[in-house]
Amino acid sequence: MKNKVIEVQNVHISISKQKLDDYICITDIAKAKSDSVRAADVVRNWLRNRGTLEYLSVWEQIYNPNFKVFESEHFKKQAGLLTFTPSVSEWVNETNAIGLYVKRGKYGGTYAHKDIAFEFASAISPVFKLYLIKEFQRLKEEADILNVALFGFTAKAWREANPELAKKNNVRDFATINELTVLSNLESHNAQMLREGKEKGERFKILQEIAEYQLNVLNAAEEIKMIESDGALSEV
């Protein structure tokens, strides 16, 4: 799935949607404190801190039944030593952690579950954390506008109605190809309307109309293909 990018105090931050939840690039967040070249060092230094390791361990124990607690203690015992320079990959591989992961290539860097990313942002700057949360919430609000325009309900409403499915999936995992096509178009239209300064209510009405029209067109085209296909088979 394509990454989303938000801008927080002139810093562009990538957000990746994973099965568990949203993961935010903390390498990008680190650029608020240092330049791009040293951002990875900021992340590594944060991971050396005992308070960080204790937070990560507790988070993993709450959300990750496969977390290796004993191995995590090995990291905490070394915290503070000059020779202790752990990498995120080492932490993940040795403890089976799921709260952090490293991505290569485009949009590369260290990604953290949003809970952990906000904690990291606090270490960078409490003020930056507040702006980060504000922009992240705005992004989620825009996603809900699109969900309601297309599906008729928010992601939260879907999770509450489907608690078992919501443990490993989100509403968009069950969308049809036609719905996903329309959703992509709605994202483009909404981005343009945001640039134009249109209010939420006006944008929602327009998006709802676009969604209904495009979905009807695509579904009708699909039905015609099926009828033509059935007709061709009957002539064989």
C-alpha atoms as a PDB file:
ATOM      1  CA  MET A   1       0.000   0.000   0.000  1.00  0.00           C
ATOM      2  CA  LYS A   2       1.265   3.457  -0.931  1.00  0.00           C
ATOM      3  CA  ASN A   3       2.658   5.517   1.934  1.00  0.00           C
ATOM      4  CA  LYS A   4       0.946   8.692   3.082  1.00  0.00           C
ATOM      5  CA  VAL A   5       3.074  11.762   3.777  1.00  0.00           C
ATOM      6  CA  ILE A   6       2.256  14.532   6.231  1.00  0.00           C
ATOM      7  CA  GLU A   7       4.160  17.756   6.835  1.00  0.00           C
ATOM      8  CA  VAL A   8       4.963  18.769  10.402  1.00  0.00           C
ATOM      9  CA  GLN A   9       6.885  22.020  10.919  1.00  0.00           C
ATOM     10  CA  ASN A  10       8.410  21.749   7.420  1.00  0.00           C
ATOM     11  CA  VAL A  11       9.436  18.097   7.966  1.00  0.00           C
ATOM     12  CA  HIS A  12       7.889  15.500   5.642  1.00  0.00           C
ATOM     13  CA  ILE A  13       6.963  12.321   7.510  1.00  0.00           C
ATOM     14  CA  SER A  14       5.910   9.053   5.881  1.00  0.00           C
ATOM     15  CA  ILE A  15       3.118   6.903   7.307  1.00  0.00           C
ATOM     16  CA  SER A  16       2.694   3.262   6.330  1.00  0.00           C
ATOM     17  CA  LYS A  17      -0.528   1.316   6.843  1.00  0.00           C
ATOM     18  CA  GLN A  18       0.209  -2.171   8.189  1.00  0.00           C
ATOM     19  CA  LYS A  19      -2.077  -4.985   9.318  1.00  0.00           C
ATOM     20  CA  LEU A  20      -1.665  -4.064  12.973  1.00  0.00           C
ATOM     21  CA  ASP A  21      -2.077  -0.294  12.595  1.00  0.00           C
ATOM     22  CA  ASP A  22      -0.421   2.838  11.233  1.00  0.00           C
ATOM     23  CA  TYR A  23       3.374   2.988  11.442  1.00  0.00           C
ATOM     24  CA  ILE A  24       5.190   6.328  11.304  1.00  0.00           C
ATOM     25  CA  CYS A  25       8.741   6.830  10.031  1.00  0.00           C
ATOM     26  CA  ILE A  26      10.736   7.935  13.076  1.00  0.00           C
ATOM     27  CA  THR A  27      13.788   8.470  10.874  1.00  0.00           C
ATOM     28  CA  ASP A  28      11.790  11.310   9.311  1.00  0.00           C
ATOM     29  CA  ILE A  29      10.819  12.585  12.767  1.00  0.00           C
ATOM     30  CA  ALA A  30      14.506  12.588  13.756  1.00  0.00           C
ATOM     31  CA  LYS A  31      15.147  15.123  10.990  1.00  0.00           C
ATOM     32  CA  ALA A  32      13.384  17.687  13.182  1.00  0.00           C
ATOM     33  CA  LYS A  33      16.363  17.444  15.536  1.00  0.00           C
ATOM     34  CA  SER A  34      19.205  16.716  13.142  1.00  0.00           C
ATOM     35  CA  ASP A  35      19.980  16.713   9.423  1.00  0.00           C
ATOM     36  CA  SER A  36      19.065  13.815   7.149  1.00  0.00           C
ATOM     37  CA  VAL A  37      22.546  12.289   7.328  1.00  0.00           C
ATOM     38  CA  ARG A  38      22.510  11.984  11.134  1.00  0.00           C
ATOM     39  CA  ALA A  39      18.834  11.022  11.533  1.00  0.00           C
ATOM     40  CA  ALA A  40      19.696   7.311  11.796  1.00  0.00           C
ATOM     41  CA  ASP A  41      22.155   8.100  14.619  1.00  0.00           C
ATOM     42  CA  VAL A  42      19.407   9.903  16.533  1.00  0.00           C
ATOM     43  CA  VAL A  43      17.236   6.785  16.329  1.00  0.00           C
ATOM     44  CA  ARG A  44      20.108   4.568  17.447  1.00  0.00           C
ATOM     45  CA  ASN A  45      20.920   6.796  20.431  1.00  0.00           C
ATOM     46  CA  TRP A  46      17.255   6.766  21.456  1.00  0.00           C
ATOM     47  CA  LEU A  47      17.284   2.977  21.385  1.00  0.00           C
ATOM     48  CA  ARG A  48      20.294   2.893  23.739  1.00  0.00           C
ATOM     49  CA  ASN A  49      18.297   4.532  26.515  1.00  0.00           C
ATOM     50  CA  ARG A  50      17.020   2.242  29.268  1.00  0.00           C
ATOM     51  CA  GLY A  51      13.757   4.164  29.524  1.00  0.00           C
ATOM     52  CA  THR A  52      13.181   3.558  25.804  1.00  0.00           C
ATOM     53  CA  LEU A  53      13.868  -0.159  26.128  1.00  0.00           C
ATOM     54  CA  GLU A  54      11.528  -0.464  29.114  1.00  0.00           C
ATOM     55  CA  TYR A  55       8.766   1.323  27.199  1.00  0.00           C
ATOM     56  CA  LEU A  56       9.268  -0.880  24.130  1.00  0.00           C
ATOM     57  CA  SER A  57       9.293  -4.041  26.261  1.00  0.00           C
ATOM     58  CA  VAL A  58       6.037  -3.178  28.013  1.00  0.00           C
ATOM     59  CA  TRP A  59       4.376  -2.204  24.729  1.00  0.00           C
ATOM     60  CA  GLU A  60       5.414  -5.510  23.152  1.00  0.00           C
ATOM     61  CA  GLN A  61       4.181  -7.533  26.132  1.00  0.00           C
ATOM     62  CA  ILE A  62       0.776  -5.851  25.823  1.00  0.00           C
ATOM     63  CA  TYR A  63       0.352  -6.268  22.062  1.00  0.00           C
ATOM     64  CA  ASN A  64       2.700  -9.057  21.011  1.00  0.00           C
ATOM     65  CA  PRO A  65       2.148 -12.580  22.421  1.00  0.00           C
ATOM     66  CA  ASN A  66       5.308 -13.790  20.645  1.00  0.00           C
ATOM     67  CA  PHE A  67       7.623 -11.208  22.206  1.00  0.00           C
ATOM     68  CA  LYS A  68      10.770 -12.708  23.776  1.00  0.00           C
ATOM     69  CA  VAL A  69      10.894 -11.076  27.188  1.00  0.00           C
ATOM     70  CA  PHE A  70      14.083 -12.836  28.304  1.00  0.00           C
ATOM     71  CA  GLU A  71      16.006 -11.563  25.278  1.00  0.00           C
ATOM     72  CA  SER A  72      14.757  -8.025  25.903  1.00  0.00           C
ATOM     73  CA  GLU A  73      16.292  -8.119  29.397  1.00  0.00           C
ATOM     74  CA  HIS A  74      19.687  -8.635  27.762  1.00  0.00           C
ATOM     75  CA  PHE A  75      19.273  -5.289  25.990  1.00  0.00           C
ATOM     76  CA  LYS A  76      18.173  -3.456  29.147  1.00  0.00           C
ATOM     77  CA  LYS A  77      21.149  -4.752  31.153  1.00  0.00           C
ATOM     78  CA  GLN A  78      23.547  -3.165  28.651  1.00  0.00           C
ATOM     79  CA  ALA A  79      21.775   0.208  28.522  1.00  0.00           C
ATOM     80  CA  GLY A  80      24.125   3.059  29.346  1.00  0.00           C
ATOM     81  CA  LEU A  81      27.343   1.231  28.440  1.00  0.00           C
ATOM     82  CA  LEU A  82      29.567   3.044  25.950  1.00  0.00           C
ATOM     83  CA  THR A  83      29.938  -0.176  23.971  1.00  0.00           C
ATOM     84  CA  PHE A  84      26.166  -0.639  23.711  1.00  0.00           C
ATOM     85  CA  THR A  85      25.104   0.524  20.245  1.00  0.00           C
ATOM     86  CA  PRO A  86      22.065  -1.600  19.288  1.00  0.00           C
ATOM     87  CA  SER A  87      20.339  -1.339  15.933  1.00  0.00           C
ATOM     88  CA  VAL A  88      16.606  -1.584  15.354  1.00  0.00           C
ATOM     89  CA  SER A  89      17.167  -4.715  13.274  1.00  0.00           C
ATOM     90  CA  GLU A  90      19.001  -6.377  16.174  1.00  0.00           C
ATOM     91  CA  TRP A  91      16.191  -5.502  18.573  1.00  0.00           C
ATOM     92  CA  VAL A  92      13.542  -6.858  16.184  1.00  0.00           C
ATOM     93  CA  ASN A  93      15.426 -10.035  15.256  1.00  0.00           C
ATOM     94  CA  GLU A  94      16.438 -10.995  18.785  1.00  0.00           C
ATOM     95  CA  THR A  95      13.191 -10.181  20.602  1.00  0.00           C
ATOM     96  CA  ASN A  96      10.683 -10.858  17.815  1.00  0.00           C
ATOM     97  CA  ALA A  97       9.367  -7.306  18.282  1.00  0.00           C
ATOM     98  CA  ILE A  98       6.570  -5.952  16.068  1.00  0.00           C
ATOM     99  CA  GLY A  99       6.493  -2.327  17.226  1.00  0.00           C
ATOM    100  CA  LEU A 100       9.426  -1.308  15.023  1.00  0.00           C
ATOM    101  CA  TYR A 101      10.637  -2.311  11.576  1.00  0.00           C
ATOM    102  CA  VAL A 102      13.214  -1.147   9.056  1.00  0.00           C
ATOM    103  CA  LYS A 103      12.262  -0.424   5.454  1.00  0.00           C
ATOM    104  CA  ARG A 104      14.729  -0.157   2.584  1.00  0.00           C
ATOM    105  CA  GLY A 105      14.510   1.835  -0.627  1.00  0.00           C
ATOM    106  CA  LYS A 106      11.960   4.591  -1.321  1.00  0.00           C
ATOM    107  CA  TYR A 107      10.351   5.868   1.876  1.00  0.00           C
ATOM    108  CA  GLY A 108      13.058   3.898   3.688  1.00  0.00           C
ATOM    109  CA  GLY A 109      13.963   4.273   7.331  1.00  0.00           C
ATOM    110  CA  THR A 110      12.840   3.026  10.726  1.00  0.00           C
ATOM    111  CA  TYR A 111       9.081   2.830  11.176  1.00  0.00           C
ATOM    112  CA  ALA A 112       7.322   2.614  14.540  1.00  0.00           C
ATOM    113  CA  HIS A 113       3.773   1.869  15.597  1.00  0.00           C
ATOM    114  CA  LYS A 114       2.052   5.201  16.184  1.00  0.00           C
ATOM    115  CA  ASP A 115       2.160   4.729  19.992  1.00  0.00           C
ATOM    116  CA  ILE A 116       5.922   4.326  19.857  1.00  0.00           C
ATOM    117  CA  ALA A 117       6.385   7.049  17.244  1.00  0.00           C
ATOM    118  CA  PHE A 118       4.646   9.589  19.481  1.00  0.00           C
ATOM    119  CA  GLU A 119       6.901   8.522  22.367  1.00  0.00           C
ATOM    120  CA  PHE A 120       9.935   9.023  20.126  1.00  0.00           C
ATOM    121  CA  ALA A 121       8.644  12.453  19.113  1.00  0.00           C
ATOM    122  CA  SER A 122       8.467  13.396  22.805  1.00  0.00           C
ATOM    123  CA  ALA A 123      12.191  12.674  23.089  1.00  0.00           C
ATOM    124  CA  ILE A 124      12.838  14.901  20.068  1.00  0.00           C
ATOM    125  CA  SER A 125      10.582  17.778  21.116  1.00  0.00           C
ATOM    126  CA  PRO A 126       7.311  17.883  23.107  1.00  0.00           C
ATOM    127  CA  VAL A 127       6.151  20.740  20.881  1.00  0.00           C
ATOM    128  CA  PHE A 128       6.932  18.763  17.726  1.00  0.00           C
ATOM    129  CA  LYS A 129       4.985  15.817  19.179  1.00  0.00           C
ATOM    130  CA  LEU A 130       1.877  17.989  19.581  1.00  0.00           C
ATOM    131  CA  TYR A 131       2.043  19.163  15.969  1.00  0.00           C
ATOM    132  CA  LEU A 132       2.681  15.585  14.819  1.00  0.00           C
ATOM    133  CA  ILE A 133      -0.421  14.305  16.628  1.00  0.00           C
ATOM    134  CA  LYS A 134      -2.477  17.168  15.194  1.00  0.00           C
ATOM    135  CA  GLU A 135      -1.436  16.385  11.599  1.00  0.00           C
ATOM    136  CA  PHE A 136      -1.858  12.650  12.125  1.00  0.00           C
ATOM    137  CA  GLN A 137      -5.412  13.170  13.417  1.00  0.00           C
ATOM    138  CA  ARG A 138      -6.174  15.399  10.451  1.00  0.00           C
ATOM    139  CA  LEU A 139      -5.011  12.622   8.119  1.00  0.00           C
ATOM    140  CA  LYS A 140      -7.268  10.096   9.871  1.00  0.00           C
ATOM    141  CA  GLU A 141     -10.189  12.518   9.652  1.00  0.00           C
ATOM    142  CA  GLU A 142      -9.701  12.860   5.902  1.00  0.00           C
ATOM    143  CA  ALA A 143      -9.586   9.068   5.587  1.00  0.00           C
ATOM    144  CA  ASP A 144     -12.916   8.847   7.403  1.00  0.00           C
ATOM    145  CA  ILE A 145     -14.473  11.411   5.065  1.00  0.00           C
ATOM    146  CA  LEU A 146     -13.501   9.178   2.144  1.00  0.00           C
ATOM    147  CA  ASN A 147     -14.755   6.044   3.925  1.00  0.00           C
ATOM    148  CA  VAL A 148     -18.168   7.558   4.647  1.00  0.00           C
ATOM    149  CA  ALA A 149     -18.456   8.979   1.118  1.00  0.00           C
ATOM    150  CA  LEU A 150     -17.765   5.585  -0.429  1.00  0.00           C
ATOM    151  CA  PHE A 151     -18.798   2.921   2.110  1.00  0.00           C
ATOM    152  CA  GLY A 152     -21.285   4.852   4.205  1.00  0.00           C
ATOM    153  CA  PHE A 153     -19.465   4.417   7.537  1.00  0.00           C
ATOM    154  CA  THR A 154     -16.215   5.297   9.297  1.00  0.00           C
ATOM    155  CA  ALA A 155     -13.348   2.897   9.943  1.00  0.00           C
ATOM    156  CA  LYS A 156     -14.163   3.022  13.657  1.00  0.00           C
ATOM    157  CA  ALA A 157     -17.805   2.080  13.032  1.00  0.00           C
ATOM    158  CA  TRP A 158     -16.662  -0.862  10.910  1.00  0.00           C
ATOM    159  CA  ARG A 159     -14.261  -2.060  13.635  1.00  0.00           C
ATOM    160  CA  GLU A 160     -16.988  -1.875  16.254  1.00  0.00           C
ATOM    161  CA  ALA A 161     -19.359  -3.852  14.025  1.00  0.00           C
ATOM    162  CA  ASN A 162     -16.701  -6.424  13.099  1.00  0.00           C
ATOM    163  CA  PRO A 163     -14.471  -6.868  16.180  1.00  0.00           C
ATOM    164  CA  GLU A 164     -13.017 -10.235  15.130  1.00  0.00           C
ATOM    165  CA  LEU A 165     -12.187  -9.185  11.582  1.00  0.00           C
ATOM    166  CA  ALA A 166     -10.772  -5.891  12.878  1.00  0.00           C
ATOM    167  CA  LYS A 167      -8.056  -7.728  14.813  1.00  0.00           C
ATOM    168  CA  LYS A 168      -6.126  -8.379  11.594  1.00  0.00           C
ATOM    169  CA  ASN A 169      -7.919  -6.361   8.903  1.00  0.00           C
ATOM    170  CA  ASN A 170      -9.403  -2.979   8.124  1.00  0.00           C
ATOM    171  CA  VAL A 171     -12.487  -1.954   6.168  1.00  0.00           C
ATOM    172  CA  ARG A 172     -10.550  -1.388   2.953  1.00  0.00           C
ATOM    173  CA  ASP A 173      -9.254  -4.974   2.942  1.00  0.00           C
ATOM    174  CA  PHE A 174     -12.797  -6.062   2.054  1.00  0.00           C
ATOM    175  CA  ALA A 175     -13.418  -3.491  -0.660  1.00  0.00           C
ATOM    176  CA  THR A 176     -14.057  -4.640  -4.230  1.00  0.00           C
ATOM    177  CA  ILE A 177     -11.685  -3.751  -7.065  1.00  0.00           C
ATOM    178  CA  ASN A 178     -14.208  -1.182  -8.286  1.00  0.00           C
ATOM    179  CA  GLU A 179     -14.452   0.366  -4.813  1.00  0.00           C
ATOM    180  CA  LEU A 180     -10.665   0.588  -4.517  1.00  0.00           C
ATOM    181  CA  THR A 181     -10.497   2.232  -7.952  1.00  0.00           C
ATOM    182  CA  VAL A 182     -13.076   4.822  -6.911  1.00  0.00           C
ATOM    183  CA  LEU A 183     -11.309   5.328  -3.573  1.00  0.00           C
ATOM    184  CA  SER A 184      -8.064   6.174  -5.357  1.00  0.00           C
ATOM    185  CA  ASN A 185      -9.921   8.725  -7.496  1.00  0.00           C
ATOM    186  CA  LEU A 186     -11.587  10.213  -4.412  1.00  0.00           C
ATOM    187  CA  GLU A 187      -8.202  10.697  -2.741  1.00  0.00           C
ATOM    188  CA  SER A 188      -7.001  12.700  -5.749  1.00  0.00           C
ATOM    189  CA  HIS A 189     -10.166  14.814  -5.870  1.00  0.00           C
ATOM    190  CA  ASN A 190     -10.049  15.449  -2.126  1.00  0.00           C
ATOM    191  CA  ALA A 191      -6.389  16.501  -2.255  1.00  0.00           C
ATOM    192  CA  GLN A 192      -7.217  18.997  -4.992  1.00  0.00           C
ATOM    193  CA  MET A 193     -10.177  20.401  -3.045  1.00  0.00           C
ATOM    194  CA  LEU A 194      -8.011  20.761   0.061  1.00  0.00           C
ATOM    195  CA  ARG A 195      -5.545  22.817  -1.984  1.00  0.00           C
ATOM    196  CA  GLU A 196      -8.462  24.953  -3.141  1.00  0.00           C
ATOM    197  CA  GLY A 197      -9.498  25.559   0.473  1.00  0.00           C
ATOM    198  CA  LYS A 198     -12.945  23.939   0.281  1.00  0.00           C
ATOM    199  CA  GLU A 199     -14.660  23.239   3.616  1.00  0.00           C
ATOM    200  CA  LYS A 200     -15.227  19.695   4.895  1.00  0.00           C
ATOM    201  CA  GLY A 201     -18.992  19.724   4.358  1.00  0.00           C
ATOM    202  CA  GLU A 202     -18.669  20.879   0.760  1.00  0.00           C
ATOM    203  CA  ARG A 203     -15.926  18.360   0.038  1.00  0.00           C
ATOM    204  CA  PHE A 204     -17.932  15.496   1.512  1.00  0.00           C
ATOM    205  CA  LYS A 205     -20.995  16.264  -0.628  1.00  0.00           C
ATOM    206  CA  ILE A 206     -18.894  16.392  -3.808  1.00  0.00           C
ATOM    207  CA  LEU A 207     -16.989  13.218  -2.901  1.00  0.00           C
ATOM    208  CA  GLN A 208     -20.216  11.359  -2.172  1.00  0.00           C
ATOM    209  CA  GLU A 209     -21.629  12.336  -5.567  1.00  0.00           C
ATOM    210  CA  ILE A 210     -18.426  11.295  -7.344  1.00  0.00           C
ATOM    211  CA  ALA A 211     -18.316   7.988  -5.482  1.00  0.00           C
ATOM    212  CA  GLU A 212     -21.923   7.110  -6.354  1.00  0.00           C
ATOM    213  CA  TYR A 213     -21.529   8.048 -10.020  1.00  0.00           C
ATOM    214  CA  GLN A 214     -18.196   6.310 -10.610  1.00  0.00           C
ATOM    215  CA  LEU A 215     -19.193   3.154  -8.738  1.00  0.00           C
ATOM    216  CA  ASN A 216     -22.417   2.880 -10.743  1.00  0.00           C
ATOM    217  CA  VAL A 217     -20.505   3.286 -14.014  1.00  0.00           C
ATOM    218  CA  LEU A 218     -17.894   0.667 -13.101  1.00  0.00           C
ATOM    219  CA  ASN A 219     -20.453  -1.818 -11.785  1.00  0.00           C
ATOM    220  CA  ALA A 220     -22.623  -1.381 -14.889  1.00  0.00           C
ATOM    221  CA  ALA A 221     -19.619  -1.952 -17.154  1.00  0.00           C
ATOM    222  CA  GLU A 222     -18.790  -5.099 -15.187  1.00  0.00           C
ATOM    223  CA  GLU A 223     -22.337  -6.423 -15.573  1.00  0.00           C
ATOM    224  CA  ILE A 224     -22.252  -5.824 -19.333  1.00  0.00           C
ATOM    225  CA  LYS A 225     -18.998  -7.781 -19.614  1.00  0.00           C
ATOM    226  CA  MET A 226     -20.513 -10.679 -17.674  1.00  0.00           C
ATOM    227  CA  ILE A 227     -23.612 -10.718 -19.899  1.00  0.00           C
ATOM    228  CA  GLU A 228     -21.488 -10.626 -23.058  1.00  0.00           C
ATOM    229  CA  SER A 229     -19.266 -13.387 -21.661  1.00  0.00           C
ATOM    230  CA  ASP A 230     -22.285 -15.575 -20.832  1.00  0.00           C
ATOM    231  CA  GLY A 231     -23.698 -14.952 -24.293  1.00  0.00           C
ATOM    232  CA  ALA A 232     -20.451 -15.939 -25.956  1.00  0.00           C
ATOM    233  CA  LEU A 233     -20.296 -19.168 -23.939  1.00  0.00           C
ATOM    234  CA  SER A 234     -23.883 -20.115 -24.819  1.00  0.00           C
ATOM    235  CA  GLU A 235     -23.066 -19.855 -28.519  1.00  0.00           C
ATOM    236  CA  VAL A 236     -20.180 -22.313 -28.214  1.00  0.00           C
END
